[in-house]
C-alpha atoms as a PDB file:
ATOM      1  CA  UNK A   1       0.000   0.000   0.000  1.00  0.00           C
ATOM      2  CA  UNK A   2       1.040   3.467  -0.785  1.00  0.00           C
ATOM      3  CA  UNK A   3       1.320   5.802   2.047  1.00  0.00           C
ATOM      4  CA  UNK A   4      -0.096   9.280   1.868  1.00  0.00           C
ATOM      5  CA  UNK A   5       3.166  10.576   3.174  1.00  0.00           C
ATOM      6  CA  UNK A   6       5.052   9.098   0.208  1.00  0.00           C
ATOM      7  CA  UNK A   7       2.681  10.780  -2.230  1.00  0.00           C
ATOM      8  CA  UNK A   8       3.095  14.065  -0.409  1.00  0.00           C
ATOM      9  CA  UNK A   9       6.877  13.693  -0.457  1.00  0.00           C
ATOM     10  CA  UNK A  10       6.912  12.924  -4.164  1.00  0.00           C
ATOM     11  CA  UNK A  11       4.700  15.956  -4.833  1.00  0.00           C
ATOM     12  CA  UNK A  12       6.917  18.156  -2.694  1.00  0.00           C
ATOM     13  CA  UNK A  13      10.026  16.814  -4.447  1.00  0.00           C
ATOM     14  CA  UNK A  14       8.487  17.678  -7.842  1.00  0.00           C
ATOM     15  CA  UNK A  15       7.755  21.208  -6.628  1.00  0.00           C
ATOM     16  CA  UNK A  16      11.326  21.609  -5.376  1.00  0.00           C
ATOM     17  CA  UNK A  17      12.727  20.406  -8.702  1.00  0.00           C
ATOM     18  CA  UNK A  18      10.538  22.905 -10.576  1.00  0.00           C
ATOM     19  CA  UNK A  19      11.590  25.713  -8.244  1.00  0.00           C
ATOM     20  CA  UNK A  20      15.266  24.806  -8.708  1.00  0.00           C
ATOM     21  CA  UNK A  21      14.832  24.937 -12.493  1.00  0.00           C
ATOM     22  CA  UNK A  22      13.278  28.408 -12.189  1.00  0.00           C
ATOM     23  CA  UNK A  23      16.159  29.560  -9.988  1.00  0.00           C
ATOM     24  CA  UNK A  24      18.702  28.304 -12.497  1.00  0.00           C
ATOM     25  CA  UNK A  25      16.895  30.131 -15.317  1.00  0.00           C
ATOM     26  CA  UNK A  26      16.704  33.325 -13.272  1.00  0.00           C
ATOM     27  CA  UNK A  27      20.426  33.107 -12.457  1.00  0.00           C
ATOM     28  CA  UNK A  28      21.225  32.779 -16.174  1.00  0.00           C
ATOM     29  CA  UNK A  29      19.163  35.883 -16.924  1.00  0.00           C
ATOM     30  CA  UNK A  30      20.861  37.827 -14.123  1.00  0.00           C
ATOM     31  CA  UNK A  31      24.308  36.803 -15.364  1.00  0.00           C
ATOM     32  CA  UNK A  32      23.433  37.886 -18.908  1.00  0.00           C
ATOM     33  CA  UNK A  33      22.149  41.231 -17.678  1.00  0.00           C
ATOM     34  CA  UNK A  34      25.252  41.689 -15.528  1.00  0.00           C
ATOM     35  CA  UNK A  35      27.480  41.036 -18.563  1.00  0.00           C
ATOM     36  CA  UNK A  36      25.590  43.708 -20.533  1.00  0.00           C
ATOM     37  CA  UNK A  37      25.945  46.218 -17.700  1.00  0.00           C
ATOM     38  CA  UNK A  38      29.679  45.500 -17.385  1.00  0.00           C
ATOM     39  CA  UNK A  39      30.151  45.980 -21.142  1.00  0.00           C
ATOM     40  CA  UNK A  40      28.256  49.276 -21.091  1.00  0.00           C
ATOM     41  CA  UNK A  41      30.327  50.531 -18.146  1.00  0.00           C
ATOM     42  CA  UNK A  42      33.560  49.567 -19.896  1.00  0.00           C
ATOM     43  CA  UNK A  43      32.501  51.533 -22.983  1.00  0.00           C
ATOM     44  CA  UNK A  44      31.467  54.527 -20.887  1.00  0.00           C
ATOM     45  CA  UNK A  45      34.731  54.540 -18.941  1.00  0.00           C
ATOM     46  CA  UNK A  46      37.057  54.019 -21.895  1.00  0.00           C
ATOM     47  CA  UNK A  47      35.480  56.236 -24.563  1.00  0.00           C
ATOM     48  CA  UNK A  48      34.732  59.946 -24.379  1.00  0.00           C
ATOM     49  CA  UNK A  49      31.238  61.055 -25.356  1.00  0.00           C
ATOM     50  CA  UNK A  50      30.791  62.044 -28.970  1.00  0.00           C
ATOM     51  CA  UNK A  51      31.186  65.810 -29.540  1.00  0.00           C
ATOM     52  CA  UNK A  52      28.175  67.846 -30.542  1.00  0.00           C
ATOM     53  CA  UNK A  53      27.868  68.529 -34.256  1.00  0.00           C
ATOM     54  CA  UNK A  54      27.959  72.234 -35.085  1.00  0.00           C
ATOM     55  CA  UNK A  55      27.227  74.028 -38.314  1.00  0.00           C
ATOM     56  CA  UNK A  56      26.105  72.634 -41.617  1.00  0.00           C
ATOM     57  CA  UNK A  57      26.627  68.903 -42.072  1.00  0.00           C
ATOM     58  CA  UNK A  58      29.439  68.013 -44.449  1.00  0.00           C
ATOM     59  CA  UNK A  59      28.490  66.763 -47.868  1.00  0.00           C
ATOM     60  CA  UNK A  60      29.633  63.376 -48.935  1.00  0.00           C
ATOM     61  CA  UNK A  61      32.480  63.620 -51.414  1.00  0.00           C
ATOM     62  CA  UNK A  62      31.375  63.175 -54.976  1.00  0.00           C
ATOM     63  CA  UNK A  63      33.284  62.179 -58.044  1.00  0.00           C
ATOM     64  CA  UNK A  64      35.715  64.909 -59.140  1.00  0.00           C
ATOM     65  CA  UNK A  65      34.493  67.099 -61.941  1.00  0.00           C
ATOM     66  CA  UNK A  66      36.302  67.124 -65.223  1.00  0.00           C
ATOM     67  CA  UNK A  67      38.558  70.134 -65.544  1.00  0.00           C
ATOM     68  CA  UNK A  68      37.903  72.635 -68.282  1.00  0.00           C
ATOM     69  CA  UNK A  69      40.516  72.376 -70.961  1.00  0.00           C
ATOM     70  CA  UNK A  70      41.101  75.406 -73.119  1.00  0.00           C
ATOM     71  CA  UNK A  71      41.186  74.706 -76.787  1.00  0.00           C
ATOM     72  CA  UNK A  72      44.061  76.282 -78.573  1.00  0.00           C
ATOM     73  CA  UNK A  73      43.057  78.532 -81.423  1.00  0.00           C
ATOM     74  CA  UNK A  74      45.297  78.371 -84.374  1.00  0.00           C
ATOM     75  CA  UNK A  75      45.751  81.569 -86.262  1.00  0.00           C
ATOM     76  CA  UNK A  76      46.722  81.273 -89.835  1.00  0.00           C
ATOM     77  CA  UNK A  77      49.678  83.448 -90.449  1.00  0.00           C
ATOM     78  CA  UNK A  78      49.562  85.532 -93.578  1.00  0.00           C
ATOM     79  CA  UNK A  79      52.366  85.003 -95.978  1.00  0.00           C
ATOM     80  CA  UNK A  80      54.816  87.923 -96.143  1.00  0.00           C
ATOM     81  CA  UNK A  81      54.113  88.488 -99.834  1.00  0.00           C
ATOM     82  CA  UNK A  82      50.386  88.975 -99.153  1.00  0.00           C
ATOM     83  CA  UNK A  83      51.083  91.451 -96.347  1.00  0.00           C
ATOM     84  CA  UNK A  84      53.458  93.493 -98.494  1.00  0.00           C
ATOM     85  CA  UNK A  85      50.962  93.564-101.350  1.00  0.00           C
ATOM     86  CA  UNK A  86      48.206  94.737 -99.035  1.00  0.00           C
ATOM     87  CA  UNK A  87      50.401  97.462 -97.550  1.00  0.00           C
ATOM     88  CA  UNK A  88      51.650  98.689-100.859  1.00  0.00           C
ATOM     89  CA  UNK A  89      48.157  98.783-102.350  1.00  0.00           C
ATOM     90  CA  UNK A  90      46.749 100.974 -99.590  1.00  0.00           C
ATOM     91  CA  UNK A  91      46.993 104.592-100.569  1.00  0.00           C
ATOM     92  CA  UNK A  92      46.470 106.102 -97.126  1.00  0.00           C
ATOM     93  CA  UNK A  93      49.423 104.804 -95.152  1.00  0.00           C
ATOM     94  CA  UNK A  94      49.786 106.421 -91.750  1.00  0.00           C
ATOM     95  CA  UNK A  95      53.053 107.223 -90.114  1.00  0.00           C
ATOM     96  CA  UNK A  96      53.488 107.251 -86.323  1.00  0.00           C
ATOM     97  CA  UNK A  97      52.723 110.962 -85.642  1.00  0.00           C
ATOM     98  CA  UNK A  98      49.521 110.920 -87.691  1.00  0.00           C
ATOM     99  CA  UNK A  99      48.433 107.705 -85.968  1.00  0.00           C
ATOM    100  CA  UNK A 100      49.025 109.362 -82.564  1.00  0.00           C
ATOM    101  CA  UNK A 101      46.992 112.383 -83.675  1.00  0.00           C
ATOM    102  CA  UNK A 102      44.106 110.142 -84.823  1.00  0.00           C
ATOM    103  CA  UNK A 103      44.088 108.308 -81.478  1.00  0.00           C
ATOM    104  CA  UNK A 104      44.126 111.591 -79.553  1.00  0.00           C
ATOM    105  CA  UNK A 105      41.219 112.949 -81.611  1.00  0.00           C
ATOM    106  CA  UNK A 106      39.221 109.762 -80.952  1.00  0.00           C
ATOM    107  CA  UNK A 107      39.804 109.964 -77.184  1.00  0.00           C
ATOM    108  CA  UNK A 108      38.842 113.656 -77.020  1.00  0.00           C
ATOM    109  CA  UNK A 109      35.698 113.047 -79.071  1.00  0.00           C
ATOM    110  CA  UNK A 110      34.716 110.174 -76.771  1.00  0.00           C
ATOM    111  CA  UNK A 111      35.279 112.365 -73.697  1.00  0.00           C
ATOM    112  CA  UNK A 112      33.082 115.163 -75.093  1.00  0.00           C
ATOM    113  CA  UNK A 113      30.327 112.714 -76.027  1.00  0.00           C
ATOM    114  CA  UNK A 114      30.249 111.290 -72.491  1.00  0.00           C
ATOM    115  CA  UNK A 115      30.250 114.806 -70.993  1.00  0.00           C
ATOM    116  CA  UNK A 116      27.369 115.915 -73.194  1.00  0.00           C
ATOM    117  CA  UNK A 117      25.397 112.791 -72.189  1.00  0.00           C
ATOM    118  CA  UNK A 118      25.886 113.605 -68.482  1.00  0.00           C
ATOM    119  CA  UNK A 119      24.818 117.222 -68.988  1.00  0.00           C
ATOM    120  CA  UNK A 120      21.684 116.098 -70.821  1.00  0.00           C
ATOM    121  CA  UNK A 121      20.855 113.646 -68.059  1.00  0.00           C
ATOM    122  CA  UNK A 122      21.224 116.261 -65.293  1.00  0.00           C
ATOM    123  CA  UNK A 123      19.098 118.732 -67.273  1.00  0.00           C
ATOM    124  CA  UNK A 124      16.306 116.161 -67.430  1.00  0.00           C
ATOM    125  CA  UNK A 125      15.958 116.276 -63.610  1.00  0.00           C
ATOM    126  CA  UNK A 126      14.620 119.891 -63.740  1.00  0.00           C
ATOM    127  CA  UNK A 127      16.075 121.182 -60.473  1.00  0.00           C
ATOM    128  CA  UNK A 128      14.959 124.760 -61.127  1.00  0.00           C
END
């Protein structure tokens, strides 16, 4: 015959085994959490906090642009015979003093034209 005490002992033993399994599981969780905390503290102690970002964020570097290359312009040089023919055919050759006089006349005329334009503009304001 089975005693009631034996049944109670077996039931109590089953409860103890279940409780021990829960304790083991809880210890594993605590150890895992402790390892995470230790890792976080090691990072906090060893590394300085990231500095605050100021100003406009930097753009990511892009591919370099192709540089502009100047194209060389070739000028066809006139043959000396053509230049001499053109100079000899012109009837109004200018020497250096007459060329200087023509340039001076052009500059003076330009100055007077600009002055007359300013006078006309100020007259249009009708200050009187």
